[in-house]
């Protein structure tokens, strides 16, 4: 009797664990649960969104100036929702999500050091110190703005 009750408890735990995961074997059988599209031809704004039965979601809106914001999400095979929020504008495309690696603090410090300590060359013939033309190195605040850590 004790063995049967332990077996029953283990079976319930396995069933509970399996029910938390999305069944990805039936991806071809998924269907659209909701779909919304809106375009304002007068000012160029738009918005759209959809959701499927297998957990895929997308919402986006944009303006005629090229500013776009949105989110997309799906459920991983482990049953975890992977969500990405993004902005696309004149500064580029910037995505944020727990699954996207963050810029390590030591890299940000190194870039700040390089920016504040420019390379200086000594001219071989004249002895003058010259700062060669170098690409612009991003600041910590611009990195935080672009990557929204």
N, C-alpha and C. Protein backbone atom coordinates (compact mmCIF):
# COMPACT_ATOMS: atom_id res chain seq x y z
N UNK A 1 0.82 -1.19 0.00
CA UNK A 1 0.00 0.00 0.00
C UNK A 1 0.87 1.26 0.00
N UNK A 2 1.94 1.21 0.78
CA UNK A 2 2.84 2.36 0.84
C UNK A 2 3.49 2.59 -0.53
N UNK A 3 3.89 1.51 -1.20
CA UNK A 3 4.50 1.60 -2.53
C UNK A 3 3.51 2.19 -3.53
N UNK A 4 2.26 1.79 -3.46
CA UNK A 4 1.24 2.29 -4.39
C UNK A 4 1.01 3.78 -4.19
N UNK A 5 1.00 4.25 -2.95
CA UNK A 5 0.77 5.67 -2.71
C UNK A 5 1.98 6.50 -3.16
N UNK A 6 3.19 5.98 -2.99
CA UNK A 6 4.38 6.67 -3.48
C UNK A 6 4.36 6.74 -5.00
N UNK A 7 3.98 5.64 -5.64
CA UNK A 7 3.88 5.60 -7.10
C UNK A 7 2.83 6.59 -7.60
N UNK A 8 1.71 6.69 -6.91
CA UNK A 8 0.66 7.63 -7.28
C UNK A 8 1.16 9.07 -7.15
N UNK A 9 1.86 9.39 -6.08
CA UNK A 9 2.39 10.74 -5.88
C UNK A 9 3.40 11.08 -6.96
N UNK A 10 4.30 10.14 -7.27
CA UNK A 10 5.29 10.39 -8.32
C UNK A 10 4.62 10.59 -9.68
N UNK A 11 3.58 9.82 -9.96
CA UNK A 11 2.85 9.98 -11.22
C UNK A 11 2.20 11.35 -11.32
N UNK A 12 1.63 11.82 -10.20
CA UNK A 12 1.02 13.15 -10.20
C UNK A 12 2.06 14.24 -10.39
N UNK A 13 3.24 14.07 -9.80
CA UNK A 13 4.31 15.05 -9.97
C UNK A 13 4.75 15.09 -11.42
N UNK A 14 4.92 13.95 -12.05
CA UNK A 14 5.32 13.89 -13.46
C UNK A 14 4.25 14.52 -14.34
N UNK A 15 2.98 14.22 -14.09
CA UNK A 15 1.90 14.82 -14.88
C UNK A 15 1.86 16.33 -14.70
N UNK A 16 2.05 16.80 -13.48
CA UNK A 16 2.04 18.24 -13.20
C UNK A 16 3.21 18.92 -13.92
N UNK A 17 4.40 18.30 -13.88
CA UNK A 17 5.57 18.87 -14.54
C UNK A 17 5.37 18.92 -16.05
N UNK A 18 4.85 17.86 -16.63
CA UNK A 18 4.63 17.82 -18.07
C UNK A 18 3.56 18.81 -18.51
N UNK A 19 2.57 19.08 -17.66
CA UNK A 19 1.52 20.01 -18.06
C UNK A 19 2.01 21.45 -18.09
N UNK A 20 3.13 21.75 -17.42
CA UNK A 20 3.66 23.10 -17.42
C UNK A 20 4.42 23.43 -18.70
N UNK A 21 4.83 22.44 -19.44
CA UNK A 21 5.59 22.66 -20.66
C UNK A 21 4.65 22.73 -21.85
N UNK A 22 4.98 23.59 -22.79
CA UNK A 22 4.23 23.67 -24.04
C UNK A 22 4.60 22.48 -24.90
N UNK A 23 3.63 21.87 -25.50
CA UNK A 23 3.89 20.73 -26.36
C UNK A 23 4.36 21.23 -27.72
N UNK A 24 5.67 21.14 -27.98
CA UNK A 24 6.23 21.63 -29.23
C UNK A 24 6.19 20.58 -30.34
N UNK A 25 5.70 19.40 -30.05
CA UNK A 25 5.60 18.39 -31.09
C UNK A 25 4.45 18.69 -32.05
N UNK A 26 3.52 19.54 -31.64
CA UNK A 26 2.38 19.87 -32.48
C UNK A 26 2.45 21.29 -33.02
N UNK A 27 3.65 21.78 -33.31
CA UNK A 27 3.81 23.13 -33.83
C UNK A 27 3.01 23.32 -35.12
N UNK A 28 2.97 22.30 -35.96
CA UNK A 28 2.25 22.44 -37.23
C UNK A 28 0.74 22.54 -37.01
N UNK A 29 0.26 22.12 -35.85
CA UNK A 29 -1.17 22.20 -35.56
C UNK A 29 -1.56 23.47 -34.83
N UNK A 30 -0.60 24.38 -34.60
CA UNK A 30 -0.93 25.61 -33.89
C UNK A 30 -1.78 26.51 -34.79
N UNK A 31 -2.51 27.39 -34.15
CA UNK A 31 -3.37 28.29 -34.91
C UNK A 31 -3.34 29.68 -34.27
N UNK A 32 -3.82 30.65 -35.00
CA UNK A 32 -3.83 32.03 -34.53
C UNK A 32 -5.00 32.20 -33.56
N UNK A 33 -4.68 32.69 -32.36
CA UNK A 33 -5.69 32.94 -31.35
C UNK A 33 -6.24 34.36 -31.50
N UNK A 34 -5.35 35.32 -31.73
CA UNK A 34 -5.80 36.69 -31.95
C UNK A 34 -4.90 37.36 -32.99
N UNK A 35 -5.47 38.30 -33.72
CA UNK A 35 -4.72 39.01 -34.75
C UNK A 35 -5.33 40.40 -34.88
N UNK A 36 -4.51 41.44 -34.70
CA UNK A 36 -5.00 42.81 -34.77
C UNK A 36 -4.05 43.62 -35.64
N UNK A 37 -4.61 44.32 -36.60
CA UNK A 37 -3.81 45.18 -37.48
C UNK A 37 -4.52 46.52 -37.58
N UNK A 38 -3.74 47.58 -37.39
CA UNK A 38 -4.31 48.92 -37.50
C UNK A 38 -3.34 49.84 -38.20
N UNK A 39 -3.78 50.47 -39.29
CA UNK A 39 -2.95 51.40 -40.04
C UNK A 39 -3.71 52.70 -40.17
N UNK A 40 -3.05 53.79 -39.80
CA UNK A 40 -3.63 55.12 -39.98
C UNK A 40 -2.90 55.75 -41.15
N UNK A 41 -3.51 55.74 -42.30
CA UNK A 41 -2.85 56.24 -43.51
C UNK A 41 -2.66 57.74 -43.49
N UNK A 42 -3.36 58.44 -42.62
CA UNK A 42 -3.24 59.89 -42.55
C UNK A 42 -1.91 60.34 -41.98
N UNK A 43 -1.48 59.74 -40.89
CA UNK A 43 -0.23 60.18 -40.28
C UNK A 43 0.88 59.13 -40.33
N UNK A 44 0.61 57.98 -40.91
CA UNK A 44 1.64 56.97 -41.08
C UNK A 44 1.88 56.06 -39.89
N UNK A 45 1.06 56.17 -38.85
CA UNK A 45 1.23 55.29 -37.70
C UNK A 45 0.58 53.95 -37.98
N UNK A 46 1.05 52.95 -37.27
CA UNK A 46 0.46 51.62 -37.40
C UNK A 46 0.64 50.88 -36.09
N UNK A 47 -0.12 49.82 -35.93
CA UNK A 47 0.09 48.89 -34.84
C UNK A 47 -0.45 47.54 -35.27
N UNK A 48 0.20 46.52 -34.78
CA UNK A 48 -0.30 45.18 -35.04
C UNK A 48 0.10 44.26 -33.91
N UNK A 49 -0.59 43.18 -33.82
CA UNK A 49 -0.27 42.19 -32.81
C UNK A 49 -0.94 40.88 -33.15
N UNK A 50 -0.34 39.81 -32.68
CA UNK A 50 -0.96 38.49 -32.86
C UNK A 50 -0.50 37.56 -31.75
N UNK A 51 -1.25 36.50 -31.57
CA UNK A 51 -0.90 35.46 -30.61
C UNK A 51 -1.33 34.13 -31.20
N UNK A 52 -0.49 33.12 -31.02
CA UNK A 52 -0.82 31.79 -31.52
C UNK A 52 -1.07 30.84 -30.36
N UNK A 53 -1.65 29.71 -30.67
CA UNK A 53 -2.01 28.74 -29.64
C UNK A 53 -0.79 28.09 -28.98
N UNK A 54 0.37 28.17 -29.61
CA UNK A 54 1.57 27.57 -29.02
C UNK A 54 2.41 28.58 -28.23
N UNK A 55 1.85 29.75 -27.92
CA UNK A 55 2.51 30.70 -27.04
C UNK A 55 3.33 31.78 -27.70
N UNK A 56 3.29 31.89 -29.02
CA UNK A 56 4.02 32.95 -29.71
C UNK A 56 3.16 34.22 -29.68
N UNK A 57 3.80 35.35 -29.28
CA UNK A 57 3.09 36.62 -29.19
C UNK A 57 3.94 37.72 -29.82
N UNK A 58 3.28 38.67 -30.44
CA UNK A 58 4.00 39.81 -31.03
C UNK A 58 3.08 41.02 -31.00
N UNK A 59 3.60 42.15 -30.54
CA UNK A 59 2.89 43.42 -30.55
C UNK A 59 3.90 44.47 -31.00
N UNK A 60 3.47 45.34 -31.91
CA UNK A 60 4.37 46.38 -32.41
C UNK A 60 3.55 47.59 -32.82
N UNK A 61 4.13 48.77 -32.61
CA UNK A 61 3.53 49.99 -33.14
C UNK A 61 4.64 50.90 -33.61
N UNK A 62 4.32 51.71 -34.62
CA UNK A 62 5.33 52.57 -35.20
C UNK A 62 4.75 53.87 -35.70
N UNK A 63 5.65 54.81 -35.96
CA UNK A 63 5.25 56.13 -36.43
C UNK A 63 5.85 56.40 -37.80
N UNK A 64 5.40 57.46 -38.42
CA UNK A 64 5.91 57.81 -39.75
C UNK A 64 7.35 58.30 -39.68
N UNK A 65 7.81 58.71 -38.49
CA UNK A 65 9.20 59.15 -38.33
C UNK A 65 10.17 57.98 -38.24
N UNK A 66 9.67 56.77 -38.22
CA UNK A 66 10.53 55.60 -38.15
C UNK A 66 10.77 55.09 -36.75
N UNK A 67 10.05 55.59 -35.76
CA UNK A 67 10.18 55.13 -34.38
C UNK A 67 9.26 53.92 -34.20
N UNK A 68 9.86 52.79 -33.86
CA UNK A 68 9.10 51.55 -33.72
C UNK A 68 9.38 50.95 -32.35
N UNK A 69 8.33 50.50 -31.67
CA UNK A 69 8.47 49.82 -30.39
C UNK A 69 7.63 48.56 -30.43
N UNK A 70 8.10 47.54 -29.73
CA UNK A 70 7.32 46.33 -29.70
C UNK A 70 7.87 45.29 -28.75
N UNK A 71 7.15 44.20 -28.65
CA UNK A 71 7.58 43.05 -27.87
C UNK A 71 7.26 41.80 -28.66
N UNK A 72 8.07 40.79 -28.46
CA UNK A 72 7.78 39.48 -29.02
C UNK A 72 8.13 38.45 -27.96
N UNK A 73 7.42 37.35 -27.97
CA UNK A 73 7.64 36.33 -26.96
C UNK A 73 7.28 34.96 -27.53
N UNK A 74 7.92 33.95 -26.98
CA UNK A 74 7.58 32.57 -27.31
C UNK A 74 7.92 31.72 -26.10
N UNK A 75 7.44 30.50 -26.09
CA UNK A 75 7.70 29.59 -24.98
C UNK A 75 8.78 28.61 -25.42
N UNK A 76 9.85 28.53 -24.63
CA UNK A 76 10.95 27.62 -24.95
C UNK A 76 10.53 26.18 -24.71
N UNK A 77 11.29 25.22 -25.22
CA UNK A 77 10.97 23.81 -24.97
C UNK A 77 10.96 23.46 -23.48
N UNK A 78 11.65 24.26 -22.65
CA UNK A 78 11.66 24.02 -21.21
C UNK A 78 10.43 24.61 -20.52
N UNK A 79 9.59 25.31 -21.28
CA UNK A 79 8.38 25.90 -20.71
C UNK A 79 8.57 27.31 -20.20
N UNK A 80 9.69 27.95 -20.52
CA UNK A 80 9.98 29.31 -20.06
C UNK A 80 9.62 30.30 -21.17
N UNK A 81 8.93 31.37 -20.79
CA UNK A 81 8.61 32.39 -21.78
C UNK A 81 9.86 33.23 -22.05
N UNK A 82 10.24 33.33 -23.33
CA UNK A 82 11.36 34.15 -23.77
C UNK A 82 10.77 35.41 -24.37
N UNK A 83 10.99 36.54 -23.69
CA UNK A 83 10.36 37.79 -24.11
C UNK A 83 11.43 38.82 -24.47
N UNK A 84 11.23 39.49 -25.59
CA UNK A 84 12.12 40.54 -26.06
C UNK A 84 11.32 41.81 -26.28
N UNK A 85 11.80 42.90 -25.70
CA UNK A 85 11.22 44.21 -25.92
C UNK A 85 12.22 44.98 -26.77
N UNK A 86 11.74 45.72 -27.75
CA UNK A 86 12.69 46.40 -28.64
C UNK A 86 12.20 47.78 -29.02
N UNK A 87 13.18 48.61 -29.38
CA UNK A 87 12.94 49.94 -29.92
C UNK A 87 13.83 50.09 -31.14
N UNK A 88 13.28 50.61 -32.20
CA UNK A 88 14.06 50.94 -33.39
C UNK A 88 13.76 52.39 -33.72
N UNK A 89 14.83 53.19 -33.77
CA UNK A 89 14.66 54.61 -34.06
C UNK A 89 15.91 55.14 -34.74
N UNK A 90 16.10 56.45 -34.72
CA UNK A 90 17.26 57.04 -35.39
C UNK A 90 18.57 56.59 -34.76
N UNK A 91 18.54 56.04 -33.55
CA UNK A 91 19.76 55.54 -32.89
C UNK A 91 20.01 54.06 -33.15
N UNK A 92 19.17 53.40 -33.95
CA UNK A 92 19.36 51.99 -34.27
C UNK A 92 18.33 51.09 -33.61
N UNK A 93 18.62 49.81 -33.64
CA UNK A 93 17.74 48.79 -33.07
C UNK A 93 18.29 48.38 -31.72
N UNK A 94 17.43 48.42 -30.69
CA UNK A 94 17.87 48.11 -29.33
C UNK A 94 16.89 47.13 -28.71
N UNK A 95 17.36 45.93 -28.48
CA UNK A 95 16.53 44.88 -27.90
C UNK A 95 16.93 44.64 -26.45
N UNK A 96 15.93 44.35 -25.62
CA UNK A 96 16.16 44.06 -24.20
C UNK A 96 15.40 42.79 -23.86
N UNK A 97 16.07 41.92 -23.13
CA UNK A 97 15.44 40.69 -22.66
C UNK A 97 16.37 39.99 -21.69
N UNK A 98 15.79 39.21 -20.80
CA UNK A 98 16.60 38.48 -19.83
C UNK A 98 17.56 37.50 -20.51
N UNK A 99 17.22 37.03 -21.69
CA UNK A 99 18.04 36.05 -22.40
C UNK A 99 19.17 36.70 -23.21
N UNK A 100 19.15 38.03 -23.34
CA UNK A 100 20.18 38.74 -24.09
C UNK A 100 21.32 39.10 -23.15
N UNK A 101 22.55 38.74 -23.49
CA UNK A 101 23.68 39.06 -22.60
C UNK A 101 23.84 40.56 -22.40
N UNK A 102 24.19 40.94 -21.19
CA UNK A 102 24.44 42.34 -20.85
C UNK A 102 25.92 42.66 -21.06
N UNK A 103 26.23 43.93 -21.32
CA UNK A 103 27.63 44.33 -21.47
C UNK A 103 28.25 44.31 -20.08
N UNK A 104 29.34 43.56 -19.91
CA UNK A 104 29.97 43.49 -18.58
C UNK A 104 30.50 44.86 -18.14
N UNK A 105 30.46 45.11 -16.86
CA UNK A 105 30.89 46.39 -16.30
C UNK A 105 32.35 46.67 -16.64
N UNK A 106 33.21 45.64 -16.66
CA UNK A 106 34.63 45.88 -16.96
C UNK A 106 34.82 46.37 -18.40
N UNK A 107 33.96 45.98 -19.31
CA UNK A 107 34.04 46.47 -20.69
C UNK A 107 33.65 47.95 -20.72
N UNK A 108 32.60 48.29 -20.01
CA UNK A 108 32.17 49.69 -19.96
C UNK A 108 33.27 50.55 -19.34
N UNK A 109 33.89 50.07 -18.26
CA UNK A 109 34.99 50.82 -17.64
C UNK A 109 36.17 50.96 -18.60
N UNK A 110 36.49 49.89 -19.33
CA UNK A 110 37.61 49.95 -20.28
C UNK A 110 37.33 50.95 -21.40
N UNK A 111 36.12 50.96 -21.91
CA UNK A 111 35.77 51.93 -22.96
C UNK A 111 35.83 53.35 -22.43
N UNK A 112 35.40 53.55 -21.19
CA UNK A 112 35.47 54.88 -20.59
C UNK A 112 36.92 55.32 -20.42
N UNK A 113 37.78 54.40 -20.00
CA UNK A 113 39.20 54.72 -19.85
C UNK A 113 39.82 55.09 -21.20
N UNK A 114 39.52 54.32 -22.21
CA UNK A 114 40.06 54.59 -23.55
C UNK A 114 39.58 55.95 -24.05
N UNK A 115 38.31 56.25 -23.80
CA UNK A 115 37.75 57.53 -24.24
C UNK A 115 38.42 58.71 -23.54
N UNK A 116 38.72 58.56 -22.26
CA UNK A 116 39.30 59.67 -21.50
C UNK A 116 40.83 59.71 -21.56
N UNK A 117 41.46 58.69 -22.12
CA UNK A 117 42.92 58.66 -22.26
C UNK A 117 43.27 58.36 -23.73
N UNK A 118 43.11 59.35 -24.59
CA UNK A 118 43.34 59.10 -26.02
C UNK A 118 44.81 58.77 -26.31
N UNK A 119 44.97 57.99 -27.32
CA UNK A 119 46.30 57.61 -27.77
C UNK A 119 47.00 58.83 -28.36
N UNK A 120 48.27 59.03 -27.98
CA UNK A 120 49.06 60.17 -28.47
C UNK A 120 50.32 59.62 -29.12
N UNK A 121 50.61 60.13 -30.32
CA UNK A 121 51.82 59.73 -31.03
C UNK A 121 52.84 60.86 -31.01
N UNK A 122 54.09 60.48 -30.94
CA UNK A 122 55.15 61.48 -31.04
C UNK A 122 55.69 61.42 -32.46
N UNK A 123 55.61 62.57 -33.13
CA UNK A 123 56.10 62.65 -34.50
C UNK A 123 57.61 62.40 -34.50
N UNK A 124 58.06 61.47 -35.30
CA UNK A 124 59.47 61.07 -35.34
C UNK A 124 60.38 62.21 -35.78
N UNK A 125 59.90 63.02 -36.71
CA UNK A 125 60.75 64.06 -37.28
C UNK A 125 60.71 65.37 -36.49
N UNK A 126 59.53 65.76 -36.01
CA UNK A 126 59.40 67.06 -35.34
C UNK A 126 59.41 66.96 -33.82
N UNK A 127 59.13 65.80 -33.28
CA UNK A 127 59.05 65.63 -31.83
C UNK A 127 57.73 66.09 -31.25
N UNK A 128 56.81 66.54 -32.09
CA UNK A 128 55.51 67.00 -31.61
C UNK A 128 54.62 65.81 -31.25
N UNK A 129 53.78 66.03 -30.23
CA UNK A 129 52.79 65.02 -29.87
C UNK A 129 51.50 65.30 -30.62
N UNK A 130 50.99 64.26 -31.24
CA UNK A 130 49.77 64.39 -32.04
C UNK A 130 48.78 63.31 -31.63
N UNK A 131 47.53 63.69 -31.63
CA UNK A 131 46.47 62.72 -31.38
C UNK A 131 45.95 62.28 -32.74
N UNK A 132 46.17 61.02 -33.11
CA UNK A 132 45.68 60.57 -34.41
C UNK A 132 44.15 60.54 -34.42
N UNK A 133 43.60 60.65 -35.59
CA UNK A 133 42.15 60.60 -35.73
C UNK A 133 41.69 59.18 -35.43
N UNK A 134 40.79 59.04 -34.47
CA UNK A 134 40.30 57.72 -34.07
C UNK A 134 38.78 57.73 -34.11
N UNK A 135 38.20 56.55 -34.19
CA UNK A 135 36.74 56.48 -34.16
C UNK A 135 36.20 56.94 -32.81
N UNK A 136 34.98 57.40 -32.79
CA UNK A 136 34.35 57.83 -31.55
C UNK A 136 34.07 56.62 -30.67
N UNK A 137 34.48 56.72 -29.42
CA UNK A 137 34.25 55.63 -28.47
C UNK A 137 33.02 55.99 -27.65
N UNK A 138 32.05 55.06 -27.54
CA UNK A 138 30.82 55.39 -26.83
C UNK A 138 31.08 55.61 -25.34
N UNK A 139 30.27 56.48 -24.74
CA UNK A 139 30.36 56.73 -23.31
C UNK A 139 29.47 55.74 -22.57
N UNK A 140 29.64 55.67 -21.25
CA UNK A 140 28.83 54.77 -20.43
C UNK A 140 27.36 55.14 -20.53
N UNK A 141 27.06 56.43 -20.50
CA UNK A 141 25.65 56.84 -20.57
C UNK A 141 25.04 56.50 -21.93
N UNK A 142 25.82 56.64 -23.01
CA UNK A 142 25.26 56.30 -24.33
C UNK A 142 25.07 54.79 -24.46
N UNK A 143 25.96 54.01 -23.85
CA UNK A 143 25.78 52.55 -23.88
C UNK A 143 24.53 52.18 -23.09
N UNK A 144 24.34 52.79 -21.93
CA UNK A 144 23.16 52.48 -21.13
C UNK A 144 21.91 52.92 -21.85
N UNK A 145 21.96 54.05 -22.58
CA UNK A 145 20.81 54.51 -23.33
C UNK A 145 20.48 53.54 -24.46
N UNK A 146 21.51 53.12 -25.19
CA UNK A 146 21.29 52.26 -26.33
C UNK A 146 20.86 50.85 -25.93
N UNK A 147 21.43 50.34 -24.85
CA UNK A 147 21.14 48.95 -24.47
C UNK A 147 20.20 48.85 -23.28
N UNK A 148 19.85 49.97 -22.69
CA UNK A 148 18.87 50.02 -21.59
C UNK A 148 19.08 48.91 -20.58
N UNK A 149 20.24 48.90 -19.96
CA UNK A 149 20.54 47.85 -18.97
C UNK A 149 19.82 48.10 -17.69
